[in-house]
Amino acid sequence: MLHPELVWMTPVTVRMKDGASHIFASVNDALDFLEGDWAIYRGRQYNRAVQTCRRALNRMTPVAIAREAFIDACRDAGMSTSADGLLATKTGAGGQHSPI
């Protein structure tokens, strides 16, 4: 089943442990990253983020809740986010590399 793009009001910039930054603009971007490129700690926050993003795509959870769960998972894994106030938020397509 195809899910339409569920865009967040404010994109989330995540600084990976290797120093690279990625911008996530939607639930779809976050879930793709969580299920495909997430190569670090998969604890309770990670599992919650995956479940919450899936529920948002099925219209069972608000998009804002999925965004917060994604941010929590990133923090739990030791990554900083624009929500931490440490990074500048830039607009752009989700999941793209972005120099900050």
N, C-alpha and C. Protein backbone atom coordinates (compact mmCIF):
# COMPACT_ATOMS: atom_id res chain seq x y z
N MET A 1 0.83 -1.17 0.00
CA MET A 1 0.00 0.00 0.00
C MET A 1 0.88 1.25 0.00
N LEU A 2 0.62 2.17 -0.90
CA LEU A 2 1.37 3.42 -0.95
C LEU A 2 0.79 4.43 0.02
N HIS A 3 1.67 5.07 0.76
CA HIS A 3 1.25 6.09 1.71
C HIS A 3 1.66 7.46 1.17
N PRO A 4 0.76 8.42 1.21
CA PRO A 4 1.14 9.76 0.78
C PRO A 4 2.20 10.34 1.72
N GLU A 5 2.97 11.26 1.21
CA GLU A 5 4.01 11.92 2.01
C GLU A 5 3.36 12.71 3.14
N LEU A 6 3.77 12.45 4.36
CA LEU A 6 3.27 13.17 5.53
C LEU A 6 4.37 14.10 6.01
N VAL A 7 4.29 15.35 5.60
CA VAL A 7 5.34 16.34 5.85
C VAL A 7 5.18 16.95 7.24
N TRP A 8 6.33 17.14 7.91
CA TRP A 8 6.33 17.80 9.21
C TRP A 8 6.29 19.31 9.03
N MET A 9 5.73 20.00 10.00
CA MET A 9 5.69 21.46 9.97
C MET A 9 7.11 22.04 9.95
N THR A 10 8.01 21.42 10.71
CA THR A 10 9.40 21.86 10.78
C THR A 10 10.30 20.65 10.54
N PRO A 11 11.13 20.68 9.49
CA PRO A 11 12.06 19.57 9.24
C PRO A 11 13.00 19.37 10.43
N VAL A 12 13.54 18.18 10.55
CA VAL A 12 14.49 17.85 11.61
C VAL A 12 15.85 17.60 10.97
N THR A 13 16.85 18.34 11.41
CA THR A 13 18.21 18.12 10.96
C THR A 13 18.90 17.26 12.01
N VAL A 14 19.50 16.17 11.56
CA VAL A 14 20.18 15.23 12.45
C VAL A 14 21.65 15.21 12.10
N ARG A 15 22.49 15.37 13.10
CA ARG A 15 23.94 15.26 12.90
C ARG A 15 24.35 13.86 13.33
N MET A 16 24.82 13.10 12.36
CA MET A 16 25.24 11.72 12.60
C MET A 16 26.54 11.71 13.41
N LYS A 17 26.88 10.56 13.94
CA LYS A 17 28.10 10.45 14.73
C LYS A 17 29.35 10.71 13.91
N ASP A 18 29.28 10.49 12.58
CA ASP A 18 30.44 10.75 11.72
C ASP A 18 30.55 12.21 11.32
N GLY A 19 29.62 13.05 11.80
CA GLY A 19 29.65 14.48 11.52
C GLY A 19 28.77 14.91 10.36
N ALA A 20 28.30 13.97 9.55
CA ALA A 20 27.41 14.31 8.44
C ALA A 20 26.05 14.72 8.98
N SER A 21 25.39 15.62 8.27
CA SER A 21 24.05 16.06 8.66
C SER A 21 23.05 15.64 7.61
N HIS A 22 21.87 15.28 8.06
CA HIS A 22 20.78 14.90 7.17
C HIS A 22 19.53 15.67 7.60
N ILE A 23 18.72 16.03 6.62
CA ILE A 23 17.46 16.71 6.90
C ILE A 23 16.32 15.75 6.62
N PHE A 24 15.42 15.64 7.58
CA PHE A 24 14.25 14.78 7.47
C PHE A 24 13.02 15.68 7.52
N ALA A 25 12.25 15.65 6.44
CA ALA A 25 11.11 16.55 6.31
C ALA A 25 9.77 15.87 6.50
N SER A 26 9.78 14.54 6.64
CA SER A 26 8.50 13.84 6.70
C SER A 26 8.61 12.53 7.47
N VAL A 27 7.44 11.99 7.79
CA VAL A 27 7.37 10.67 8.42
C VAL A 27 8.01 9.64 7.51
N ASN A 28 7.74 9.74 6.21
CA ASN A 28 8.30 8.79 5.25
C ASN A 28 9.83 8.80 5.29
N ASP A 29 10.42 9.99 5.31
CA ASP A 29 11.88 10.11 5.37
C ASP A 29 12.43 9.44 6.62
N ALA A 30 11.80 9.72 7.75
CA ALA A 30 12.28 9.18 9.02
C ALA A 30 12.17 7.66 9.04
N LEU A 31 11.05 7.13 8.61
CA LEU A 31 10.87 5.68 8.62
C LEU A 31 11.83 4.99 7.66
N ASP A 32 12.05 5.57 6.50
CA ASP A 32 13.04 5.01 5.56
C ASP A 32 14.41 4.92 6.22
N PHE A 33 14.80 5.98 6.92
CA PHE A 33 16.09 6.02 7.61
C PHE A 33 16.12 4.98 8.74
N LEU A 34 15.08 4.96 9.55
CA LEU A 34 15.03 4.02 10.67
C LEU A 34 15.11 2.57 10.21
N GLU A 35 14.41 2.24 9.14
CA GLU A 35 14.35 0.85 8.69
C GLU A 35 15.46 0.47 7.72
N GLY A 36 16.14 1.46 7.14
CA GLY A 36 17.14 1.14 6.15
C GLY A 36 18.57 1.50 6.50
N ASP A 37 18.77 2.70 7.01
CA ASP A 37 20.13 3.20 7.21
C ASP A 37 20.54 3.31 8.68
N TRP A 38 19.65 3.01 9.58
CA TRP A 38 19.94 3.11 11.02
C TRP A 38 20.92 2.00 11.38
N ALA A 39 22.14 2.37 11.68
CA ALA A 39 23.18 1.36 11.94
C ALA A 39 23.71 1.46 13.36
N ILE A 40 22.91 2.02 14.25
CA ILE A 40 23.38 2.21 15.61
C ILE A 40 22.38 1.62 16.59
N TYR A 41 22.53 1.96 17.82
CA TYR A 41 21.75 1.43 18.92
C TYR A 41 20.25 1.38 18.61
N ARG A 42 19.66 0.19 18.78
CA ARG A 42 18.22 -0.02 18.54
C ARG A 42 17.53 -0.37 19.85
N GLY A 43 17.34 0.62 20.67
CA GLY A 43 16.71 0.42 21.97
C GLY A 43 15.22 0.72 21.93
N ARG A 44 14.69 0.98 23.09
CA ARG A 44 13.26 1.22 23.25
C ARG A 44 12.78 2.44 22.46
N GLN A 45 13.58 3.50 22.44
CA GLN A 45 13.19 4.70 21.70
C GLN A 45 13.16 4.45 20.20
N TYR A 46 14.11 3.66 19.72
CA TYR A 46 14.13 3.29 18.30
C TYR A 46 12.85 2.53 17.95
N ASN A 47 12.54 1.52 18.73
CA ASN A 47 11.34 0.71 18.47
C ASN A 47 10.08 1.57 18.52
N ARG A 48 10.02 2.48 19.48
CA ARG A 48 8.87 3.38 19.58
C ARG A 48 8.77 4.26 18.34
N ALA A 49 9.89 4.77 17.86
CA ALA A 49 9.89 5.63 16.67
C ALA A 49 9.39 4.88 15.45
N VAL A 50 9.86 3.66 15.24
CA VAL A 50 9.41 2.86 14.10
C VAL A 50 7.91 2.63 14.19
N GLN A 51 7.45 2.20 15.35
CA GLN A 51 6.02 1.92 15.54
C GLN A 51 5.18 3.18 15.36
N THR A 52 5.63 4.29 15.91
CA THR A 52 4.87 5.54 15.82
C THR A 52 4.83 6.06 14.40
N CYS A 53 5.93 5.97 13.68
CA CYS A 53 5.94 6.40 12.27
C CYS A 53 4.99 5.54 11.44
N ARG A 54 5.02 4.25 11.66
CA ARG A 54 4.09 3.37 10.93
C ARG A 54 2.64 3.72 11.25
N ARG A 55 2.36 3.99 12.52
CA ARG A 55 0.99 4.35 12.91
C ARG A 55 0.58 5.69 12.29
N ALA A 56 1.52 6.62 12.19
CA ALA A 56 1.20 7.91 11.56
C ALA A 56 0.88 7.71 10.08
N LEU A 57 1.63 6.86 9.41
CA LEU A 57 1.36 6.59 8.00
C LEU A 57 -0.01 5.95 7.78
N ASN A 58 -0.47 5.24 8.79
CA ASN A 58 -1.80 4.62 8.73
C ASN A 58 -2.88 5.50 9.35
N ARG A 59 -2.53 6.75 9.63
CA ARG A 59 -3.47 7.74 10.17
C ARG A 59 -4.02 7.35 11.55
N MET A 60 -3.20 6.65 12.32
CA MET A 60 -3.61 6.22 13.65
C MET A 60 -2.92 7.04 14.75
N THR A 61 -1.91 7.81 14.37
CA THR A 61 -1.14 8.64 15.30
C THR A 61 -0.85 9.96 14.62
N PRO A 62 -0.93 11.09 15.34
CA PRO A 62 -0.61 12.39 14.73
C PRO A 62 0.84 12.44 14.23
N VAL A 63 1.04 13.14 13.13
CA VAL A 63 2.36 13.30 12.52
C VAL A 63 3.35 13.93 13.52
N ALA A 64 2.89 14.87 14.33
CA ALA A 64 3.76 15.54 15.31
C ALA A 64 4.30 14.55 16.35
N ILE A 65 3.50 13.57 16.71
CA ILE A 65 3.94 12.55 17.67
C ILE A 65 5.03 11.68 17.04
N ALA A 66 4.88 11.35 15.78
CA ALA A 66 5.91 10.58 15.08
C ALA A 66 7.21 11.37 15.01
N ARG A 67 7.12 12.67 14.77
CA ARG A 67 8.31 13.52 14.72
C ARG A 67 9.05 13.49 16.06
N GLU A 68 8.31 13.65 17.14
CA GLU A 68 8.92 13.65 18.46
C GLU A 68 9.54 12.29 18.78
N ALA A 69 8.89 11.21 18.39
CA ALA A 69 9.45 9.87 18.62
C ALA A 69 10.75 9.68 17.84
N PHE A 70 10.79 10.21 16.61
CA PHE A 70 12.01 10.13 15.80
C PHE A 70 13.14 10.92 16.46
N ILE A 71 12.84 12.11 16.93
CA ILE A 71 13.84 12.94 17.62
C ILE A 71 14.35 12.22 18.86
N ASP A 72 13.45 11.63 19.64
CA ASP A 72 13.85 10.90 20.85
C ASP A 72 14.78 9.73 20.51
N ALA A 73 14.48 9.01 19.43
CA ALA A 73 15.33 7.88 19.03
C ALA A 73 16.72 8.37 18.63
N CYS A 74 16.77 9.47 17.90
CA CYS A 74 18.07 10.03 17.50
C CYS A 74 18.88 10.43 18.72
N ARG A 75 18.26 11.12 19.65
CA ARG A 75 18.94 11.53 20.89
C ARG A 75 19.43 10.30 21.67
N ASP A 76 18.57 9.30 21.77
CA ASP A 76 18.90 8.08 22.51
C ASP A 76 20.13 7.40 21.90
N ALA A 77 20.30 7.54 20.59
CA ALA A 77 21.43 6.93 19.89
C ALA A 77 22.67 7.83 19.88
N GLY A 78 22.58 8.99 20.53
CA GLY A 78 23.73 9.88 20.65
C GLY A 78 23.90 10.87 19.52
N MET A 79 22.87 11.06 18.72
CA MET A 79 22.92 12.05 17.64
C MET A 79 22.28 13.35 18.11
N SER A 80 22.79 14.47 17.65
CA SER A 80 22.16 15.75 17.97
C SER A 80 21.18 16.10 16.85
N THR A 81 20.17 16.87 17.21
CA THR A 81 19.14 17.26 16.25
C THR A 81 18.90 18.75 16.33
N SER A 82 18.24 19.28 15.30
CA SER A 82 17.88 20.69 15.30
C SER A 82 16.95 21.00 16.47
N ALA A 83 16.21 20.00 16.94
CA ALA A 83 15.30 20.19 18.07
C ALA A 83 16.08 20.40 19.37
N ASP A 84 17.36 20.03 19.38
CA ASP A 84 18.19 20.23 20.57
C ASP A 84 18.70 21.67 20.65
N GLY A 85 18.46 22.44 19.59
CA GLY A 85 18.95 23.81 19.55
C GLY A 85 20.42 23.89 19.21
N LEU A 86 21.03 22.77 18.83
CA LEU A 86 22.46 22.75 18.53
C LEU A 86 22.76 22.92 17.06
N LEU A 87 21.76 22.71 16.22
CA LEU A 87 21.96 22.78 14.78
C LEU A 87 21.02 23.81 14.19
N ALA A 88 21.42 24.39 13.10
CA ALA A 88 20.53 25.29 12.38
C ALA A 88 19.60 24.47 11.51
N THR A 89 18.32 24.78 11.52
CA THR A 89 17.37 24.07 10.68
C THR A 89 17.36 24.71 9.31
N LYS A 90 17.52 23.89 8.28
CA LYS A 90 17.47 24.35 6.90
C LYS A 90 16.37 23.61 6.19
N THR A 91 15.77 24.25 5.21
CA THR A 91 14.74 23.57 4.44
C THR A 91 15.39 22.77 3.34
N GLY A 92 14.68 21.78 2.84
CA GLY A 92 15.20 20.96 1.76
C GLY A 92 14.51 19.61 1.77
N ALA A 93 14.88 18.80 0.83
CA ALA A 93 14.27 17.47 0.74
C ALA A 93 14.79 16.61 1.88
N GLY A 94 13.95 15.77 2.39
CA GLY A 94 14.28 14.93 3.53
C GLY A 94 15.39 13.95 3.24
N GLY A 95 16.19 13.71 4.25
CA GLY A 95 17.22 12.71 4.16
C GLY A 95 18.42 13.11 3.34
N GLN A 96 18.46 14.34 2.84
CA GLN A 96 19.60 14.76 2.03
C GLN A 96 20.73 15.24 2.92
N HIS A 97 21.95 15.09 2.42
CA HIS A 97 23.11 15.63 3.14
C HIS A 97 23.02 17.14 3.07
N SER A 98 23.39 17.77 4.16
CA SER A 98 23.33 19.23 4.19
C SER A 98 24.48 19.76 5.03
N PRO A 99 25.35 20.58 4.46
CA PRO A 99 26.40 21.18 5.29
C PRO A 99 25.79 22.20 6.22
N ILE A 100 26.21 22.15 7.46
CA ILE A 100 25.67 23.10 8.45
C ILE A 100 26.79 23.88 9.05
